[in-house]
Amino acid sequence: MPGLAGEEAGDSVALPDPTLETEAERIAEALVFASAQPVAEAYVAARLPRGADVHRIMLRLKSIYAGRGVNLVQVGDHWAFRTAADLSFVVQTNENEVRKLSRAALEVLSIIAYHQPVTRAEIEDIRGVQTSKGTLDVLMEAGWIRFRGRRRTPGRPVTFGTTRDFLDHFGLEDLRDLPGLEELRGAGLLSGRVPSNFRIPVPLSEDGLSDDEDPITQLDLEELGLLTPGGGDGE
């Protein structure tokens, strides 16, 4: 049929050049390998040959490295090479040992991860106890939580959320990969007496602000004592 032949001809012209595809994969691989931090997909796309489908290329590289000692992993919209999970014990060193978090810090981190965006008052309401500034500072210093914005309510409290480093450290591609009810129960983190109406909250995406949040400005940070006037870090 003429129409079908025309469509097939058009499709054949649109097929990518295998040589360019291979070169694009090599460039993407080199960009991620050369970076100590996860690399943004947009950063890779800007350096690939024109017309290259960056996401398809990254997924292909991910499949290529899936069974190797080093895996290509997705962290949000970023990519990084990481040691295969079953071989992590081989390369562990005391220098990279992370300080153990207190129970309070783990509770706060969990609440922020599952309930973000969440304010300090909301964290305390969920925990039933006050949350010290020191606990939040430890999580900030670890690079696992951040200030997201300010809630559009009286007092305009700061909202907290997790970071890309949080996803990277815990081997999550996206917040949707956080353990669900059955996974938490299987890991022994929930008792057998969980209420029948108990539901694991679904956190909002890392990207953007919710409808009831305003972005944090430098002036906000200065008012909160997080920056000294002029932009320097506060005490």
C-alpha atoms as a PDB file:
ATOM      1  CA  MET A   1       0.000   0.000   0.000  1.00  0.00           C
ATOM      2  CA  PRO A   2       1.395   3.431  -0.953  1.00  0.00           C
ATOM      3  CA  GLY A   3       0.546   5.019   2.381  1.00  0.00           C
ATOM      4  CA  LEU A   4       2.169   2.205   4.316  1.00  0.00           C
ATOM      5  CA  ALA A   5       5.230   2.231   2.080  1.00  0.00           C
ATOM      6  CA  GLY A   6       5.588   5.959   2.618  1.00  0.00           C
ATOM      7  CA  GLU A   7       5.349   5.551   6.380  1.00  0.00           C
ATOM      8  CA  GLU A   8       7.902   2.733   6.327  1.00  0.00           C
ATOM      9  CA  ALA A   9      10.235   4.816   4.203  1.00  0.00           C
ATOM     10  CA  GLY A  10       9.860   7.711   6.593  1.00  0.00           C
ATOM     11  CA  ASP A  11      10.519   5.434   9.538  1.00  0.00           C
ATOM     12  CA  SER A  12      13.664   4.018   7.952  1.00  0.00           C
ATOM     13  CA  VAL A  13      15.070   7.497   7.426  1.00  0.00           C
ATOM     14  CA  ALA A  14      14.441   8.303  11.105  1.00  0.00           C
ATOM     15  CA  LEU A  15      16.395   5.305  12.381  1.00  0.00           C
ATOM     16  CA  PRO A  16      19.552   6.367  14.268  1.00  0.00           C
ATOM     17  CA  ASP A  17      22.976   5.889  12.746  1.00  0.00           C
ATOM     18  CA  PRO A  18      24.579   2.905  14.596  1.00  0.00           C
ATOM     19  CA  THR A  19      27.963   4.640  14.533  1.00  0.00           C
ATOM     20  CA  LEU A  20      26.527   7.783  16.130  1.00  0.00           C
ATOM     21  CA  GLU A  21      24.632   5.688  18.681  1.00  0.00           C
ATOM     22  CA  THR A  22      27.822   3.919  19.713  1.00  0.00           C
ATOM     23  CA  GLU A  23      29.681   7.210  19.959  1.00  0.00           C
ATOM     24  CA  ALA A  24      26.863   8.723  22.031  1.00  0.00           C
ATOM     25  CA  GLU A  25      27.019   5.761  24.441  1.00  0.00           C
ATOM     26  CA  ARG A  26      30.774   6.133  24.796  1.00  0.00           C
ATOM     27  CA  ILE A  27      30.443   9.869  25.527  1.00  0.00           C
ATOM     28  CA  ALA A  28      27.688   9.307  28.107  1.00  0.00           C
ATOM     29  CA  GLU A  29      29.700   6.528  29.749  1.00  0.00           C
ATOM     30  CA  ALA A  30      32.804   8.722  29.955  1.00  0.00           C
ATOM     31  CA  LEU A  31      30.899  11.703  31.409  1.00  0.00           C
ATOM     32  CA  VAL A  32      29.413   9.644  34.241  1.00  0.00           C
ATOM     33  CA  PHE A  33      32.631   7.745  34.904  1.00  0.00           C
ATOM     34  CA  ALA A  34      34.650  10.972  35.193  1.00  0.00           C
ATOM     35  CA  SER A  35      32.342  12.493  37.817  1.00  0.00           C
ATOM     36  CA  ALA A  36      32.539  11.779  41.544  1.00  0.00           C
ATOM     37  CA  GLN A  37      28.926  12.920  41.914  1.00  0.00           C
ATOM     38  CA  PRO A  38      25.768  11.772  40.110  1.00  0.00           C
ATOM     39  CA  VAL A  39      25.545  13.460  36.700  1.00  0.00           C
ATOM     40  CA  ALA A  40      22.364  15.163  35.510  1.00  0.00           C
ATOM     41  CA  GLU A  41      20.747  13.632  32.453  1.00  0.00           C
ATOM     42  CA  ALA A  42      20.419  17.135  31.010  1.00  0.00           C
ATOM     43  CA  TYR A  43      24.182  17.627  31.385  1.00  0.00           C
ATOM     44  CA  VAL A  44      24.830  14.438  29.418  1.00  0.00           C
ATOM     45  CA  ALA A  45      22.232  15.325  26.772  1.00  0.00           C
ATOM     46  CA  ALA A  46      23.897  18.683  26.102  1.00  0.00           C
ATOM     47  CA  ARG A  47      27.140  16.894  25.204  1.00  0.00           C
ATOM     48  CA  LEU A  48      25.772  14.110  23.010  1.00  0.00           C
ATOM     49  CA  PRO A  49      25.481  14.235  19.210  1.00  0.00           C
ATOM     50  CA  ARG A  50      22.427  16.135  18.029  1.00  0.00           C
ATOM     51  CA  GLY A  51      19.247  14.064  18.067  1.00  0.00           C
ATOM     52  CA  ALA A  52      20.558  11.416  20.476  1.00  0.00           C
ATOM     53  CA  ASP A  53      17.922   9.984  22.842  1.00  0.00           C
ATOM     54  CA  VAL A  54      19.785  10.429  26.117  1.00  0.00           C
ATOM     55  CA  HIS A  55      17.337   8.538  28.325  1.00  0.00           C
ATOM     56  CA  ARG A  56      17.287   5.520  26.011  1.00  0.00           C
ATOM     57  CA  ILE A  57      21.092   5.572  25.868  1.00  0.00           C
ATOM     58  CA  MET A  58      21.373   5.700  29.667  1.00  0.00           C
ATOM     59  CA  LEU A  59      18.919   2.814  30.071  1.00  0.00           C
ATOM     60  CA  ARG A  60      20.913   0.770  27.558  1.00  0.00           C
ATOM     61  CA  LEU A  61      24.142   1.449  29.462  1.00  0.00           C
ATOM     62  CA  LYS A  62      22.347   0.534  32.682  1.00  0.00           C
ATOM     63  CA  SER A  63      21.397  -2.854  31.219  1.00  0.00           C
ATOM     64  CA  ILE A  64      24.957  -3.412  29.947  1.00  0.00           C
ATOM     65  CA  TYR A  65      26.422  -2.823  33.429  1.00  0.00           C
ATOM     66  CA  ALA A  66      23.651  -4.662  35.298  1.00  0.00           C
ATOM     67  CA  GLY A  67      25.622  -7.879  35.824  1.00  0.00           C
ATOM     68  CA  ARG A  68      29.030  -6.351  36.380  1.00  0.00           C
ATOM     69  CA  GLY A  69      30.994  -5.410  39.466  1.00  0.00           C
ATOM     70  CA  VAL A  70      30.127  -1.769  38.811  1.00  0.00           C
ATOM     71  CA  ASN A  71      26.527  -0.778  38.059  1.00  0.00           C
ATOM     72  CA  LEU A  72      25.141   2.327  36.407  1.00  0.00           C
ATOM     73  CA  VAL A  73      22.378   3.529  38.722  1.00  0.00           C
ATOM     74  CA  GLN A  74      19.734   6.199  38.364  1.00  0.00           C
ATOM     75  CA  VAL A  75      19.367   8.727  41.179  1.00  0.00           C
ATOM     76  CA  GLY A  76      16.329  10.840  40.397  1.00  0.00           C
ATOM     77  CA  ASP A  77      17.185  12.466  37.065  1.00  0.00           C
ATOM     78  CA  HIS A  78      20.912  11.878  37.642  1.00  0.00           C
ATOM     79  CA  TRP A  79      23.186   8.915  36.895  1.00  0.00           C
ATOM     80  CA  ALA A  80      26.215   7.451  38.666  1.00  0.00           C
ATOM     81  CA  PHE A  81      28.480   4.399  38.670  1.00  0.00           C
ATOM     82  CA  ARG A  82      28.319   2.479  41.923  1.00  0.00           C
ATOM     83  CA  THR A  83      29.810  -0.773  43.187  1.00  0.00           C
ATOM     84  CA  ALA A  84      27.381  -3.673  42.790  1.00  0.00           C
ATOM     85  CA  ALA A  85      25.429  -4.061  46.022  1.00  0.00           C
ATOM     86  CA  ASP A  86      26.585  -7.659  46.585  1.00  0.00           C
ATOM     87  CA  LEU A  87      30.250  -6.597  46.337  1.00  0.00           C
ATOM     88  CA  SER A  88      30.135  -3.529  48.568  1.00  0.00           C
ATOM     89  CA  PHE A  89      31.862  -5.429  51.406  1.00  0.00           C
ATOM     90  CA  VAL A  90      34.959  -5.844  49.213  1.00  0.00           C
ATOM     91  CA  VAL A  91      35.621  -2.126  48.883  1.00  0.00           C
ATOM     92  CA  GLN A  92      34.489  -0.920  52.312  1.00  0.00           C
ATOM     93  CA  THR A  93      37.117   1.087  54.173  1.00  0.00           C
ATOM     94  CA  ASN A  94      37.189   2.591  57.634  1.00  0.00           C
ATOM     95  CA  GLU A  95      37.745   6.010  56.058  1.00  0.00           C
ATOM     96  CA  ASN A  96      34.273   5.910  54.515  1.00  0.00           C
ATOM     97  CA  GLU A  97      32.552   4.693  57.645  1.00  0.00           C
ATOM     98  CA  VAL A  98      29.476   6.780  58.352  1.00  0.00           C
ATOM     99  CA  ARG A  99      28.685   7.754  61.909  1.00  0.00           C
ATOM    100  CA  LYS A 100      25.705   5.822  63.229  1.00  0.00           C
ATOM    101  CA  LEU A 101      22.567   7.870  63.582  1.00  0.00           C
ATOM    102  CA  SER A 102      20.719   8.026  66.875  1.00  0.00           C
ATOM    103  CA  ARG A 103      17.249   6.553  67.089  1.00  0.00           C
ATOM    104  CA  ALA A 104      15.825  10.083  67.147  1.00  0.00           C
ATOM    105  CA  ALA A 105      17.695  11.012  63.962  1.00  0.00           C
ATOM    106  CA  LEU A 106      16.495   7.845  62.219  1.00  0.00           C
ATOM    107  CA  GLU A 107      12.914   8.598  63.238  1.00  0.00           C
ATOM    108  CA  VAL A 108      13.148  12.185  61.983  1.00  0.00           C
ATOM    109  CA  LEU A 109      14.789  11.088  58.723  1.00  0.00           C
ATOM    110  CA  SER A 110      12.062   8.489  58.144  1.00  0.00           C
ATOM    111  CA  ILE A 111       9.299  11.004  58.816  1.00  0.00           C
ATOM    112  CA  ILE A 112      10.833  13.542  56.442  1.00  0.00           C
ATOM    113  CA  ALA A 113      11.352  10.891  53.751  1.00  0.00           C
ATOM    114  CA  TYR A 114       7.760   9.643  53.833  1.00  0.00           C
ATOM    115  CA  HIS A 115       5.879  12.835  54.724  1.00  0.00           C
ATOM    116  CA  GLN A 116       7.805  15.511  52.811  1.00  0.00           C
ATOM    117  CA  PRO A 117       7.247  18.367  52.544  1.00  0.00           C
ATOM    118  CA  VAL A 118       6.951  18.480  56.330  1.00  0.00           C
ATOM    119  CA  THR A 119       7.564  21.157  58.964  1.00  0.00           C
ATOM    120  CA  ARG A 120       9.325  20.726  62.298  1.00  0.00           C
ATOM    121  CA  ALA A 121       6.002  21.071  64.137  1.00  0.00           C
ATOM    122  CA  GLU A 122       4.505  18.315  61.976  1.00  0.00           C
ATOM    123  CA  ILE A 123       7.510  16.079  62.671  1.00  0.00           C
ATOM    124  CA  GLU A 124       7.025  16.617  66.399  1.00  0.00           C
ATOM    125  CA  ASP A 125       3.296  15.934  66.094  1.00  0.00           C
ATOM    126  CA  ILE A 126       4.003  12.588  64.395  1.00  0.00           C
ATOM    127  CA  ARG A 127       6.745  11.593  66.867  1.00  0.00           C
ATOM    128  CA  GLY A 128       4.897  12.860  69.917  1.00  0.00           C
ATOM    129  CA  VAL A 129       8.031  14.513  71.300  1.00  0.00           C
ATOM    130  CA  GLN A 130      10.057  17.621  70.613  1.00  0.00           C
ATOM    131  CA  THR A 131      12.782  17.458  67.976  1.00  0.00           C
ATOM    132  CA  SER A 132      16.067  19.088  68.895  1.00  0.00           C
ATOM    133  CA  LYS A 133      17.873  21.364  66.471  1.00  0.00           C
ATOM    134  CA  GLY A 134      20.907  19.110  66.916  1.00  0.00           C
ATOM    135  CA  THR A 135      19.056  16.156  65.398  1.00  0.00           C
ATOM    136  CA  LEU A 136      18.144  18.178  62.322  1.00  0.00           C
ATOM    137  CA  ASP A 137      21.694  19.557  62.130  1.00  0.00           C
ATOM    138  CA  VAL A 138      23.149  16.010  62.032  1.00  0.00           C
ATOM    139  CA  LEU A 139      20.896  15.110  59.104  1.00  0.00           C
ATOM    140  CA  MET A 140      21.760  18.380  57.360  1.00  0.00           C
ATOM    141  CA  GLU A 141      25.481  17.756  57.812  1.00  0.00           C
ATOM    142  CA  ALA A 142      25.083  14.262  56.371  1.00  0.00           C
ATOM    143  CA  GLY A 143      23.525  15.922  53.324  1.00  0.00           C
ATOM    144  CA  TRP A 144      20.359  13.825  53.533  1.00  0.00           C
ATOM    145  CA  ILE A 145      17.766  16.534  54.234  1.00  0.00           C
ATOM    146  CA  ARG A 146      17.309  20.072  52.982  1.00  0.00           C
ATOM    147  CA  PHE A 147      15.082  23.094  53.386  1.00  0.00           C
ATOM    148  CA  ARG A 148      12.439  22.815  50.664  1.00  0.00           C
ATOM    149  CA  GLY A 149      10.456  26.003  51.137  1.00  0.00           C
ATOM    150  CA  ARG A 150       8.153  27.857  53.504  1.00  0.00           C
ATOM    151  CA  ARG A 151       4.591  26.755  54.187  1.00  0.00           C
ATOM    152  CA  ARG A 152       1.872  29.271  53.353  1.00  0.00           C
ATOM    153  CA  THR A 153       0.459  29.214  56.871  1.00  0.00           C
ATOM    154  CA  PRO A 154       0.781  31.621  59.816  1.00  0.00           C
ATOM    155  CA  GLY A 155       4.424  31.970  60.785  1.00  0.00           C
ATOM    156  CA  ARG A 156       5.489  30.585  57.385  1.00  0.00           C
ATOM    157  CA  PRO A 157       7.356  27.580  58.859  1.00  0.00           C
ATOM    158  CA  VAL A 158      10.212  25.997  56.917  1.00  0.00           C
ATOM    159  CA  THR A 159       9.457  22.711  55.181  1.00  0.00           C
ATOM    160  CA  PHE A 160      11.954  19.844  54.994  1.00  0.00           C
ATOM    161  CA  GLY A 161      12.606  17.275  52.302  1.00  0.00           C
ATOM    162  CA  THR A 162      15.237  14.704  51.393  1.00  0.00           C
ATOM    163  CA  THR A 163      18.108  15.262  48.967  1.00  0.00           C
ATOM    164  CA  ARG A 164      19.632  13.500  45.979  1.00  0.00           C
ATOM    165  CA  ASP A 165      22.440  12.357  48.317  1.00  0.00           C
ATOM    166  CA  PHE A 166      19.796  10.622  50.434  1.00  0.00           C
ATOM    167  CA  LEU A 167      18.584   8.675  47.390  1.00  0.00           C
ATOM    168  CA  ASP A 168      22.158   7.887  46.376  1.00  0.00           C
ATOM    169  CA  HIS A 169      23.222   6.687  49.839  1.00  0.00           C
ATOM    170  CA  PHE A 170      20.236   4.382  50.277  1.00  0.00           C
ATOM    171  CA  GLY A 171      20.331   3.075  46.705  1.00  0.00           C
ATOM    172  CA  LEU A 172      17.004   4.571  45.626  1.00  0.00           C
ATOM    173  CA  GLU A 173      16.290   5.778  42.110  1.00  0.00           C
ATOM    174  CA  ASP A 174      13.242   7.744  43.194  1.00  0.00           C
ATOM    175  CA  LEU A 175      11.214   8.461  46.320  1.00  0.00           C
ATOM    176  CA  ARG A 176       8.661   5.981  44.997  1.00  0.00           C
ATOM    177  CA  ASP A 177      11.259   3.277  45.702  1.00  0.00           C
ATOM    178  CA  LEU A 178      10.980   3.806  49.464  1.00  0.00           C
ATOM    179  CA  PRO A 179       9.954   0.539  51.197  1.00  0.00           C
ATOM    180  CA  GLY A 180       6.224  -0.092  51.328  1.00  0.00           C
ATOM    181  CA  LEU A 181       4.134  -1.627  54.096  1.00  0.00           C
ATOM    182  CA  GLU A 182       4.951  -5.261  53.310  1.00  0.00           C
ATOM    183  CA  GLU A 183       8.673  -4.539  52.890  1.00  0.00           C
ATOM    184  CA  LEU A 184       8.810  -2.725  56.232  1.00  0.00           C
ATOM    185  CA  ARG A 185       6.907  -5.551  57.900  1.00  0.00           C
ATOM    186  CA  GLY A 186       9.215  -8.152  56.330  1.00  0.00           C
ATOM    187  CA  ALA A 187      12.267  -6.278  57.595  1.00  0.00           C
ATOM    188  CA  GLY A 188      10.853  -6.365  61.124  1.00  0.00           C
ATOM    189  CA  LEU A 189      10.431  -2.594  61.247  1.00  0.00           C
ATOM    190  CA  LEU A 190       6.692  -2.840  61.875  1.00  0.00           C
ATOM    191  CA  SER A 191       5.080  -4.979  64.556  1.00  0.00           C
ATOM    192  CA  GLY A 192       2.338  -7.472  63.811  1.00  0.00           C
ATOM    193  CA  ARG A 193      -0.194  -5.208  65.493  1.00  0.00           C
ATOM    194  CA  VAL A 194      -0.344  -2.621  62.717  1.00  0.00           C
ATOM    195  CA  PRO A 195      -3.865  -1.107  62.505  1.00  0.00           C
ATOM    196  CA  SER A 196      -5.854  -2.382  59.512  1.00  0.00           C
ATOM    197  CA  ASN A 197      -6.321   1.170  58.224  1.00  0.00           C
ATOM    198  CA  PHE A 198      -2.599   1.981  58.435  1.00  0.00           C
ATOM    199  CA  ARG A 199      -1.184   3.271  55.163  1.00  0.00           C
ATOM    200  CA  ILE A 200       2.363   4.188  54.174  1.00  0.00           C
ATOM    201  CA  PRO A 201       2.299   7.815  52.987  1.00  0.00           C
ATOM    202  CA  VAL A 202       3.447   8.562  49.452  1.00  0.00           C
ATOM    203  CA  PRO A 203       5.926  11.476  49.450  1.00  0.00           C
ATOM    204  CA  LEU A 204       5.774  14.197  46.844  1.00  0.00           C
ATOM    205  CA  SER A 205       8.416  14.349  44.135  1.00  0.00           C
ATOM    206  CA  GLU A 206      11.787  15.884  44.919  1.00  0.00           C
ATOM    207  CA  ASP A 207      11.261  18.349  42.104  1.00  0.00           C
ATOM    208  CA  GLY A 208       9.412  21.606  42.584  1.00  0.00           C
ATOM    209  CA  LEU A 209       7.305  22.910  45.443  1.00  0.00           C
ATOM    210  CA  SER A 210       3.838  21.877  46.545  1.00  0.00           C
ATOM    211  CA  ASP A 211       0.873  24.207  46.132  1.00  0.00           C
ATOM    212  CA  ASP A 212       1.143  25.442  49.727  1.00  0.00           C
ATOM    213  CA  GLU A 213       4.896  26.172  49.645  1.00  0.00           C
ATOM    214  CA  ASP A 214       6.872  29.258  48.708  1.00  0.00           C
ATOM    215  CA  PRO A 215      10.539  29.072  47.687  1.00  0.00           C
ATOM    216  CA  ILE A 216      13.151  29.986  50.291  1.00  0.00           C
ATOM    217  CA  THR A 217      15.009  33.175  49.436  1.00  0.00           C
ATOM    218  CA  GLN A 218      18.355  34.427  50.722  1.00  0.00           C
ATOM    219  CA  LEU A 219      16.466  36.924  52.886  1.00  0.00           C
ATOM    220  CA  ASP A 220      14.510  34.032  54.436  1.00  0.00           C
ATOM    221  CA  LEU A 221      17.772  32.239  55.236  1.00  0.00           C
ATOM    222  CA  GLU A 222      19.184  35.362  56.864  1.00  0.00           C
ATOM    223  CA  GLU A 223      16.027  35.816  58.950  1.00  0.00           C
ATOM    224  CA  LEU A 224      16.211  32.197  60.054  1.00  0.00           C
ATOM    225  CA  GLY A 225      19.847  32.625  61.037  1.00  0.00           C
ATOM    226  CA  LEU A 226      20.970  30.156  58.389  1.00  0.00           C
ATOM    227  CA  LEU A 227      22.976  32.781  56.524  1.00  0.00           C
ATOM    228  CA  THR A 228      24.705  35.872  57.822  1.00  0.00           C
ATOM    229  CA  PRO A 229      23.796  39.143  56.048  1.00  0.00           C
ATOM    230  CA  GLY A 230      25.598  39.179  52.726  1.00  0.00           C
ATOM    231  CA  GLY A 231      25.246  35.437  52.077  1.00  0.00           C
ATOM    232  CA  GLY A 232      27.854  33.852  54.374  1.00  0.00           C
ATOM    233  CA  ASP A 233      27.072  30.746  56.396  1.00  0.00           C
ATOM    234  CA  GLY A 234      25.603  31.419  59.816  1.00  0.00           C
ATOM    235  CA  GLU A 235      27.037  30.021  63.026  1.00  0.00           C
END
